[in-house]
């Protein structure tokens, strides 16, 4: 049985995606992982990611990082 992603269970995959994007941000901007994660959580990309209807949860860390950098 395939699990369906809904707004109610989306949080289960957000932490892993956010951590991966934060690692890219930390390396690129030479900041700590915590600072990078805080920056990502405050971004428009994360706001879109946390809304199931945008389907941003389909994107991998590289695509999310690119979206973050474009903002």
C-alpha atoms as a PDB file:
ATOM      1  CA  UNK A   1       0.000   0.000   0.000  1.00  0.00           C
ATOM      2  CA  UNK A   2       1.393   3.396  -1.002  1.00  0.00           C
ATOM      3  CA  UNK A   3       1.371   6.101   1.614  1.00  0.00           C
ATOM      4  CA  UNK A   4      -0.254   9.334   0.573  1.00  0.00           C
ATOM      5  CA  UNK A   5       1.387  12.633   1.454  1.00  0.00           C
ATOM      6  CA  UNK A   6      -1.106  15.000   3.052  1.00  0.00           C
ATOM      7  CA  UNK A   7      -0.803  18.252   4.964  1.00  0.00           C
ATOM      8  CA  UNK A   8      -1.236  16.197   8.152  1.00  0.00           C
ATOM      9  CA  UNK A   9       1.769  13.920   7.536  1.00  0.00           C
ATOM     10  CA  UNK A  10       4.010  16.168   5.445  1.00  0.00           C
ATOM     11  CA  UNK A  11       6.010  17.081   8.553  1.00  0.00           C
ATOM     12  CA  UNK A  12       7.491  13.571   8.500  1.00  0.00           C
ATOM     13  CA  UNK A  13       9.653  14.354   5.466  1.00  0.00           C
ATOM     14  CA  UNK A  14      10.369  18.044   6.075  1.00  0.00           C
ATOM     15  CA  UNK A  15      13.167  17.642   8.614  1.00  0.00           C
ATOM     16  CA  UNK A  16      15.343  15.534   6.318  1.00  0.00           C
ATOM     17  CA  UNK A  17      14.884  17.859   3.367  1.00  0.00           C
ATOM     18  CA  UNK A  18      15.524  20.954   5.509  1.00  0.00           C
ATOM     19  CA  UNK A  19      18.690  19.441   6.986  1.00  0.00           C
ATOM     20  CA  UNK A  20      20.065  18.595   3.543  1.00  0.00           C
ATOM     21  CA  UNK A  21      19.392  22.089   2.193  1.00  0.00           C
ATOM     22  CA  UNK A  22      20.874  23.641   5.346  1.00  0.00           C
ATOM     23  CA  UNK A  23      24.084  21.679   4.760  1.00  0.00           C
ATOM     24  CA  UNK A  24      24.403  23.302   1.310  1.00  0.00           C
ATOM     25  CA  UNK A  25      23.692  26.748   2.764  1.00  0.00           C
ATOM     26  CA  UNK A  26      26.216  26.287   5.587  1.00  0.00           C
ATOM     27  CA  UNK A  27      28.947  25.250   3.174  1.00  0.00           C
ATOM     28  CA  UNK A  28      28.194  27.960   0.619  1.00  0.00           C
ATOM     29  CA  UNK A  29      27.864  30.800   3.132  1.00  0.00           C
ATOM     30  CA  UNK A  30      30.475  29.528   5.614  1.00  0.00           C
ATOM     31  CA  UNK A  31      28.051  29.600   8.550  1.00  0.00           C
ATOM     32  CA  UNK A  32      27.122  27.038  11.182  1.00  0.00           C
ATOM     33  CA  UNK A  33      24.547  24.365  10.386  1.00  0.00           C
ATOM     34  CA  UNK A  34      22.187  25.853  12.982  1.00  0.00           C
ATOM     35  CA  UNK A  35      22.430  29.311  11.403  1.00  0.00           C
ATOM     36  CA  UNK A  36      21.868  27.770   7.983  1.00  0.00           C
ATOM     37  CA  UNK A  37      18.828  25.854   9.168  1.00  0.00           C
ATOM     38  CA  UNK A  38      17.399  29.002  10.743  1.00  0.00           C
ATOM     39  CA  UNK A  39      17.894  30.879   7.462  1.00  0.00           C
ATOM     40  CA  UNK A  40      16.216  28.107   5.499  1.00  0.00           C
ATOM     41  CA  UNK A  41      13.252  27.941   7.891  1.00  0.00           C
ATOM     42  CA  UNK A  42      12.757  31.704   7.389  1.00  0.00           C
ATOM     43  CA  UNK A  43      12.864  31.451   3.586  1.00  0.00           C
ATOM     44  CA  UNK A  44      10.101  31.575   1.002  1.00  0.00           C
ATOM     45  CA  UNK A  45      11.294  28.196  -0.240  1.00  0.00           C
ATOM     46  CA  UNK A  46      10.588  26.599   3.119  1.00  0.00           C
ATOM     47  CA  UNK A  47       7.184  28.291   3.307  1.00  0.00           C
ATOM     48  CA  UNK A  48       6.319  26.673  -0.020  1.00  0.00           C
ATOM     49  CA  UNK A  49       7.841  23.343   1.035  1.00  0.00           C
ATOM     50  CA  UNK A  50       5.688  23.103   4.151  1.00  0.00           C
ATOM     51  CA  UNK A  51       2.464  23.496   2.138  1.00  0.00           C
ATOM     52  CA  UNK A  52       1.472  20.165   0.602  1.00  0.00           C
ATOM     53  CA  UNK A  53      -0.514  21.735  -2.237  1.00  0.00           C
ATOM     54  CA  UNK A  54       2.649  23.299  -3.739  1.00  0.00           C
ATOM     55  CA  UNK A  55       4.120  19.812  -4.226  1.00  0.00           C
ATOM     56  CA  UNK A  56       7.575  21.182  -3.335  1.00  0.00           C
ATOM     57  CA  UNK A  57       8.029  18.032  -1.252  1.00  0.00           C
ATOM     58  CA  UNK A  58       8.648  16.253  -4.566  1.00  0.00           C
ATOM     59  CA  UNK A  59      11.870  18.244  -5.000  1.00  0.00           C
ATOM     60  CA  UNK A  60      15.201  16.911  -3.851  1.00  0.00           C
ATOM     61  CA  UNK A  61      17.699  18.909  -1.784  1.00  0.00           C
ATOM     62  CA  UNK A  62      19.571  20.266  -4.816  1.00  0.00           C
ATOM     63  CA  UNK A  63      16.423  21.638  -6.449  1.00  0.00           C
ATOM     64  CA  UNK A  64      15.271  23.135  -3.147  1.00  0.00           C
ATOM     65  CA  UNK A  65      18.685  24.740  -2.630  1.00  0.00           C
ATOM     66  CA  UNK A  66      18.586  26.206  -6.128  1.00  0.00           C
ATOM     67  CA  UNK A  67      15.128  27.618  -5.431  1.00  0.00           C
ATOM     68  CA  UNK A  68      16.419  29.070  -2.147  1.00  0.00           C
ATOM     69  CA  UNK A  69      19.363  30.730  -3.931  1.00  0.00           C
ATOM     70  CA  UNK A  70      17.090  32.222  -6.616  1.00  0.00           C
ATOM     71  CA  UNK A  71      14.944  34.054  -4.050  1.00  0.00           C
END
